[in-house]
Amino acid sequence: MYQQETFGQAFKRGWLMMPPGIRWIITINIGVYLAMIIGGNTFSSFMVQMFGFYSDPLTTITQPWRLVTYMFLHGGIFHLLFNMLWLWFLGKIVEDHLGTKNFLAIYFGSGIGGAMVNTVVATIFGAAAIPTIGASGAVFGIMVAFAVLFPTYKLMLIFFPPIEARFIVAGLIAIDLLFISAQDGIARIVHLGGAFWGYALLKMYYRGYNYDAWISAVMNRFKRKETPPPPKAAQAKGKSKTNLYSVSDAEILDEVEQDELDRILEKISKSGYDGLSAEEKRTLFELSKRN
């Protein structure tokens, strides 16, 4: 007999089914927002003053953590919902396609880049340094990445027929451009800066700048520093073995290629072979012949 899930079980299953990057970003954002609600106005003001982003070069240089922490603060429930729903709906597909490390690099790169663009513009035009909060810049970067990866993917919006992703994202960017000088409390420069960096970082990725491999290389370097060197006897023993045979460099995958192969295999485990792009299938075929 089929046993119906409880709400808690269904919620837990849905939470665990999300890709890890999306899951923890949404969880932290909701957790911080609830803490600000429970803490009241005094605590909320303290959080904004300590962790919000100020478009002042001196503050940016002396307090660089604000470039990241401002993305986890939101000024209202609709502000939070707008960002998290777009992130969940589009970012989940982007993370599945690029892998968690590449997704996080584009997400945080867009958020940081949007804030930096806002600092430059505010400095040039002498705008007042008011606190900026919200994940909109990072989310716009992911939305642009989605539109570039899946331009003809049809999205369903309330009161609208299915519209291709490229037109929806272009429309949102156009709205920010039209109202860029409006004093409505919306950080439109951050949106536009995040959109620019989302596009730029994705293009860099497809030109060979693999963030997944880069982040893994940094992590491996720290791991190697923490690992004590083997005894001299073991090193000598290893050298004697390596002299017994030689292997062509073409027969061994380098670190970047191995990371790419691991990413493709991880994607297959999640969405099957049919979920791979034509380029990924070709890469898998070429690397599998050499591995």
Protein backbone atom coordinates (compact mmCIF):
# COMPACT_ATOMS: atom_id res chain seq x y z
CA MET A 1 0.00 0.00 0.00
CA TYR A 2 1.33 3.43 -0.97
CA GLN A 3 2.06 5.67 1.99
CA GLN A 4 1.51 9.34 1.29
CA GLU A 5 4.36 11.70 2.18
CA THR A 6 3.95 14.22 4.94
CA PHE A 7 4.64 17.88 4.23
CA GLY A 8 7.93 17.65 6.11
CA GLN A 9 9.06 14.61 4.11
CA ALA A 10 8.09 16.21 0.80
CA PHE A 11 9.85 19.45 1.76
CA LYS A 12 13.02 17.59 2.78
CA ARG A 13 13.02 15.55 -0.43
CA GLY A 14 12.56 18.67 -2.56
CA TRP A 15 15.32 20.49 -0.66
CA LEU A 16 17.77 17.60 -1.11
CA MET A 17 16.95 17.29 -4.81
CA MET A 18 18.17 20.83 -5.51
CA PRO A 19 21.77 21.18 -6.75
CA PRO A 20 24.08 21.97 -3.80
CA GLY A 21 25.01 25.51 -4.89
CA ILE A 22 21.38 26.62 -5.32
CA ARG A 23 20.31 24.77 -2.17
CA TRP A 24 22.75 26.53 0.15
CA ILE A 25 22.42 29.98 -1.41
CA ILE A 26 18.63 29.90 -1.01
CA THR A 27 18.86 28.42 2.49
CA ILE A 28 21.32 31.06 3.73
CA ASN A 29 19.30 33.90 2.16
CA ILE A 30 16.07 32.73 3.78
CA GLY A 31 17.83 32.13 7.11
CA VAL A 32 19.35 35.63 7.16
CA TYR A 33 16.01 37.21 6.23
CA LEU A 34 14.17 35.35 9.01
CA ALA A 35 16.86 36.39 11.49
CA MET A 36 16.40 40.04 10.46
CA ILE A 37 12.62 39.74 10.85
CA ILE A 38 12.89 38.12 14.27
CA GLY A 39 15.58 40.56 15.40
CA GLY A 40 13.44 43.58 14.63
CA ASN A 41 14.28 46.96 13.12
CA THR A 42 17.34 47.58 15.31
CA PHE A 43 18.97 44.30 14.35
CA SER A 44 18.04 44.75 10.68
CA SER A 45 19.61 48.21 10.63
CA PHE A 46 22.74 46.81 12.26
CA MET A 47 22.99 44.06 9.63
CA VAL A 48 22.65 46.55 6.77
CA GLN A 49 25.22 48.92 8.27
CA MET A 50 27.73 46.12 8.93
CA PHE A 51 27.22 43.92 5.86
CA GLY A 52 25.48 46.05 3.22
CA PHE A 53 27.51 47.37 0.30
CA TYR A 54 28.42 51.06 0.08
CA SER A 55 29.47 52.42 -3.32
CA ASP A 56 32.47 54.19 -1.82
CA PRO A 57 35.96 53.18 -3.00
CA LEU A 58 37.55 53.59 0.43
CA THR A 59 34.89 51.43 2.10
CA THR A 60 35.23 48.82 -0.64
CA ILE A 61 39.00 48.62 -0.15
CA THR A 62 39.01 48.61 3.65
CA GLN A 63 35.90 46.41 4.10
CA PRO A 64 35.95 44.00 1.14
CA TRP A 65 33.64 41.45 2.79
CA ARG A 66 30.73 43.72 1.91
CA LEU A 67 31.16 42.72 -1.76
CA VAL A 68 29.85 39.27 -0.80
CA THR A 69 27.71 39.77 2.30
CA TYR A 70 25.39 42.35 0.70
CA MET A 71 24.05 39.56 -1.54
CA PHE A 72 22.54 37.76 1.45
CA LEU A 73 20.52 40.72 2.75
CA HIS A 74 17.04 41.65 1.49
CA GLY A 75 14.78 44.54 2.33
CA GLY A 76 11.40 42.78 2.07
CA ILE A 77 9.63 39.54 1.35
CA PHE A 78 8.94 40.38 -2.32
CA HIS A 79 12.56 41.41 -2.84
CA LEU A 80 13.63 38.02 -1.47
CA LEU A 81 10.98 36.06 -3.38
CA PHE A 82 11.79 37.70 -6.72
CA ASN A 83 15.47 36.85 -6.43
CA MET A 84 15.12 33.35 -5.02
CA LEU A 85 12.37 32.25 -7.43
CA TRP A 86 14.36 33.36 -10.47
CA LEU A 87 17.47 31.76 -9.00
CA TRP A 88 15.68 28.47 -8.32
CA PHE A 89 13.91 28.35 -11.68
CA LEU A 90 16.81 29.30 -13.98
CA GLY A 91 19.89 28.78 -11.79
CA LYS A 92 19.08 25.12 -11.18
CA ILE A 93 19.40 24.38 -14.89
CA VAL A 94 22.57 26.46 -15.19
CA GLU A 95 24.18 24.63 -12.26
CA ASP A 96 23.23 21.23 -13.69
CA HIS A 97 24.73 22.24 -17.03
CA LEU A 98 27.98 23.86 -15.86
CA GLY A 99 28.60 22.15 -12.53
CA THR A 100 28.45 23.62 -9.05
CA LYS A 101 31.89 25.26 -8.98
CA ASN A 102 31.42 26.99 -12.32
CA PHE A 103 27.92 28.08 -11.32
CA LEU A 104 29.14 29.57 -8.04
CA ALA A 105 31.98 31.35 -9.83
CA ILE A 106 29.51 33.04 -12.19
CA TYR A 107 26.99 33.77 -9.42
CA PHE A 108 29.41 35.42 -7.01
CA GLY A 109 31.45 36.93 -9.84
CA SER A 110 28.32 38.66 -11.16
CA GLY A 111 27.33 39.90 -7.70
CA ILE A 112 30.79 41.23 -6.93
CA GLY A 113 31.20 42.63 -10.44
CA GLY A 114 27.83 44.41 -10.27
CA ALA A 115 28.81 46.06 -7.00
CA MET A 116 32.16 47.16 -8.42
CA VAL A 117 30.48 48.67 -11.50
CA ASN A 118 28.11 50.52 -9.19
CA THR A 119 31.12 51.90 -7.26
CA VAL A 120 32.78 53.16 -10.44
CA VAL A 121 29.60 54.82 -11.73
CA ALA A 122 28.80 56.38 -8.35
CA THR A 123 32.34 57.74 -8.07
CA ILE A 124 32.30 59.24 -11.56
CA PHE A 125 28.93 60.92 -11.16
CA GLY A 126 29.33 61.81 -7.50
CA ALA A 127 26.32 59.84 -6.28
CA ALA A 128 25.72 59.47 -2.55
CA ALA A 129 27.09 56.29 -0.99
CA ILE A 130 23.90 54.61 0.20
CA PRO A 131 23.76 50.95 1.29
CA THR A 132 22.93 48.39 -1.38
CA ILE A 133 21.51 44.99 -0.43
CA GLY A 134 20.11 42.02 -2.31
CA ALA A 135 21.18 39.22 -4.64
CA SER A 136 19.75 40.88 -7.75
CA GLY A 137 23.13 41.53 -9.40
CA ALA A 138 24.19 37.90 -8.97
CA VAL A 139 20.77 36.64 -10.10
CA PHE A 140 20.87 38.84 -13.21
CA GLY A 141 24.24 37.30 -14.06
CA ILE A 142 22.74 33.80 -13.82
CA MET A 143 19.70 34.87 -15.86
CA VAL A 144 21.96 36.14 -18.64
CA ALA A 145 24.00 32.93 -18.50
CA PHE A 146 20.77 30.94 -18.85
CA ALA A 147 19.62 33.05 -21.81
CA VAL A 148 22.97 32.50 -23.56
CA LEU A 149 22.98 28.76 -22.88
CA PHE A 150 19.30 28.18 -23.69
CA PRO A 151 18.13 31.18 -25.76
CA THR A 152 14.99 29.54 -27.16
CA TYR A 153 13.87 27.90 -23.90
CA LYS A 154 10.26 29.00 -23.36
CA LEU A 155 9.39 30.41 -19.94
CA MET A 156 5.88 30.62 -18.52
CA LEU A 157 5.09 33.89 -16.76
CA ILE A 158 1.81 34.86 -15.12
CA PHE A 159 -0.61 36.56 -17.57
CA PHE A 160 1.80 35.97 -20.50
CA PRO A 161 2.07 33.27 -23.15
CA PRO A 162 5.29 31.18 -23.30
CA ILE A 163 8.19 33.51 -24.16
CA GLU A 164 11.73 32.56 -25.10
CA ALA A 165 14.34 33.15 -22.39
CA ARG A 166 16.41 35.53 -24.53
CA PHE A 167 13.45 37.91 -24.93
CA ILE A 168 12.50 37.86 -21.24
CA VAL A 169 16.03 38.54 -20.04
CA ALA A 170 16.54 41.21 -22.70
CA GLY A 171 13.26 42.82 -21.61
CA LEU A 172 14.31 42.94 -17.95
CA ILE A 173 17.62 44.52 -18.91
CA ALA A 174 15.81 47.05 -21.11
CA ILE A 175 13.56 48.03 -18.19
CA ASP A 176 16.62 48.74 -16.04
CA LEU A 177 18.14 50.82 -18.83
CA LEU A 178 14.93 52.84 -19.28
CA PHE A 179 14.60 53.57 -15.56
CA ILE A 180 18.28 53.84 -14.76
CA SER A 181 17.92 57.44 -13.52
CA ALA A 182 14.71 56.84 -11.56
CA GLN A 183 14.94 57.47 -7.83
CA ASP A 184 12.97 54.35 -6.92
CA GLY A 185 15.41 52.67 -4.53
CA ILE A 186 16.30 49.92 -7.01
CA ALA A 187 20.01 49.36 -7.66
CA ARG A 188 19.68 49.19 -11.44
CA ILE A 189 23.40 49.76 -12.00
CA VAL A 190 24.09 46.64 -9.95
CA HIS A 191 21.58 44.72 -12.09
CA LEU A 192 23.23 45.85 -15.30
CA GLY A 193 26.73 45.26 -13.96
CA GLY A 194 25.76 41.77 -12.82
CA ALA A 195 24.24 41.02 -16.23
CA PHE A 196 27.43 42.17 -17.97
CA TRP A 197 29.67 40.04 -15.78
CA GLY A 198 27.41 37.01 -16.09
CA TYR A 199 27.78 37.22 -19.86
CA ALA A 200 31.53 37.92 -19.71
CA LEU A 201 32.28 35.09 -17.25
CA LEU A 202 30.28 32.57 -19.27
CA LYS A 203 32.10 33.57 -22.46
CA MET A 204 35.42 33.20 -20.63
CA TYR A 205 34.37 29.71 -19.54
CA TYR A 206 33.58 28.65 -23.10
CA ARG A 207 36.88 30.05 -24.31
CA GLY A 208 38.72 27.63 -22.05
CA TYR A 209 38.81 29.45 -18.72
CA ASN A 210 37.43 26.53 -16.72
CA TYR A 211 36.48 27.83 -13.27
CA ASP A 212 35.81 24.28 -12.10
CA ALA A 213 39.40 23.26 -12.83
CA TRP A 214 40.79 26.55 -11.48
CA ILE A 215 38.97 26.24 -8.15
CA SER A 216 39.91 22.56 -7.90
CA ALA A 217 43.56 23.43 -8.58
CA VAL A 218 43.55 26.01 -5.77
CA MET A 219 41.91 23.55 -3.38
CA ASN A 220 44.37 20.81 -4.35
CA ARG A 221 47.30 23.16 -3.82
CA PHE A 222 46.15 23.88 -0.27
CA LYS A 223 45.66 20.16 0.31
CA ARG A 224 49.17 19.43 -0.92
CA LYS A 225 50.57 22.05 1.46
CA GLU A 226 48.80 20.39 4.37
CA THR A 227 49.99 16.88 3.41
CA PRO A 228 53.46 16.06 4.84
CA PRO A 229 56.05 14.96 2.27
CA PRO A 230 56.71 11.20 2.03
CA PRO A 231 59.85 9.76 3.68
CA LYS A 232 63.04 9.81 1.62
CA ALA A 233 63.05 6.04 1.44
CA ALA A 234 59.59 6.05 -0.11
CA GLN A 235 60.66 8.74 -2.56
CA ALA A 236 63.70 6.70 -3.61
CA LYS A 237 61.53 3.62 -3.98
CA GLY A 238 59.11 5.53 -6.16
CA LYS A 239 61.94 6.81 -8.35
CA SER A 240 63.27 3.32 -8.89
CA LYS A 241 59.87 2.16 -10.08
CA THR A 242 59.35 5.04 -12.47
CA ASN A 243 62.62 4.16 -14.21
CA LEU A 244 61.26 0.73 -15.17
CA TYR A 245 58.90 2.07 -17.83
CA SER A 246 57.84 5.23 -19.61
CA VAL A 247 54.41 6.44 -20.68
CA SER A 248 53.64 8.93 -23.41
CA ASP A 249 52.18 12.26 -22.19
CA ALA A 250 49.37 11.82 -24.70
CA GLU A 251 48.13 8.76 -22.81
CA ILE A 252 47.63 10.59 -19.51
CA LEU A 253 44.89 13.12 -18.87
CA ASP A 254 46.14 16.37 -17.41
CA GLU A 255 44.45 17.91 -14.40
CA VAL A 256 42.17 20.21 -16.41
CA GLU A 257 41.00 17.39 -18.68
CA GLN A 258 40.42 15.06 -15.74
CA ASP A 259 38.29 17.70 -13.99
CA GLU A 260 36.28 18.17 -17.19
CA LEU A 261 35.75 14.41 -17.50
CA ASP A 262 34.66 14.20 -13.86
CA ARG A 263 32.18 17.04 -14.41
CA ILE A 264 30.66 15.33 -17.45
CA LEU A 265 30.38 11.99 -15.63
CA GLU A 266 28.73 13.72 -12.67
CA LYS A 267 26.24 15.33 -15.04
CA ILE A 268 25.47 11.95 -16.61
CA SER A 269 24.75 10.53 -13.15
CA LYS A 270 22.24 13.33 -12.54
CA SER A 271 20.48 13.77 -15.89
CA GLY A 272 21.63 10.84 -18.05
CA TYR A 273 23.64 10.76 -21.25
CA ASP A 274 20.88 12.53 -23.20
CA GLY A 275 21.30 15.53 -20.92
CA LEU A 276 24.76 16.25 -22.34
CA SER A 277 25.29 18.89 -24.98
CA ALA A 278 26.83 17.94 -28.34
CA GLU A 279 30.14 19.48 -27.26
CA GLU A 280 30.14 17.52 -23.99
CA LYS A 281 29.42 14.25 -25.83
CA ARG A 282 32.30 14.92 -28.18
CA THR A 283 34.60 15.79 -25.26
CA LEU A 284 33.57 12.61 -23.42
CA PHE A 285 34.29 10.50 -26.48
CA GLU A 286 37.73 12.06 -27.01
CA LEU A 287 38.79 11.87 -23.36
CA SER A 288 37.51 8.31 -22.89
CA LYS A 289 39.79 7.13 -25.71
CA ARG A 290 42.81 8.57 -23.87
CA ASN A 291 41.91 7.59 -20.31
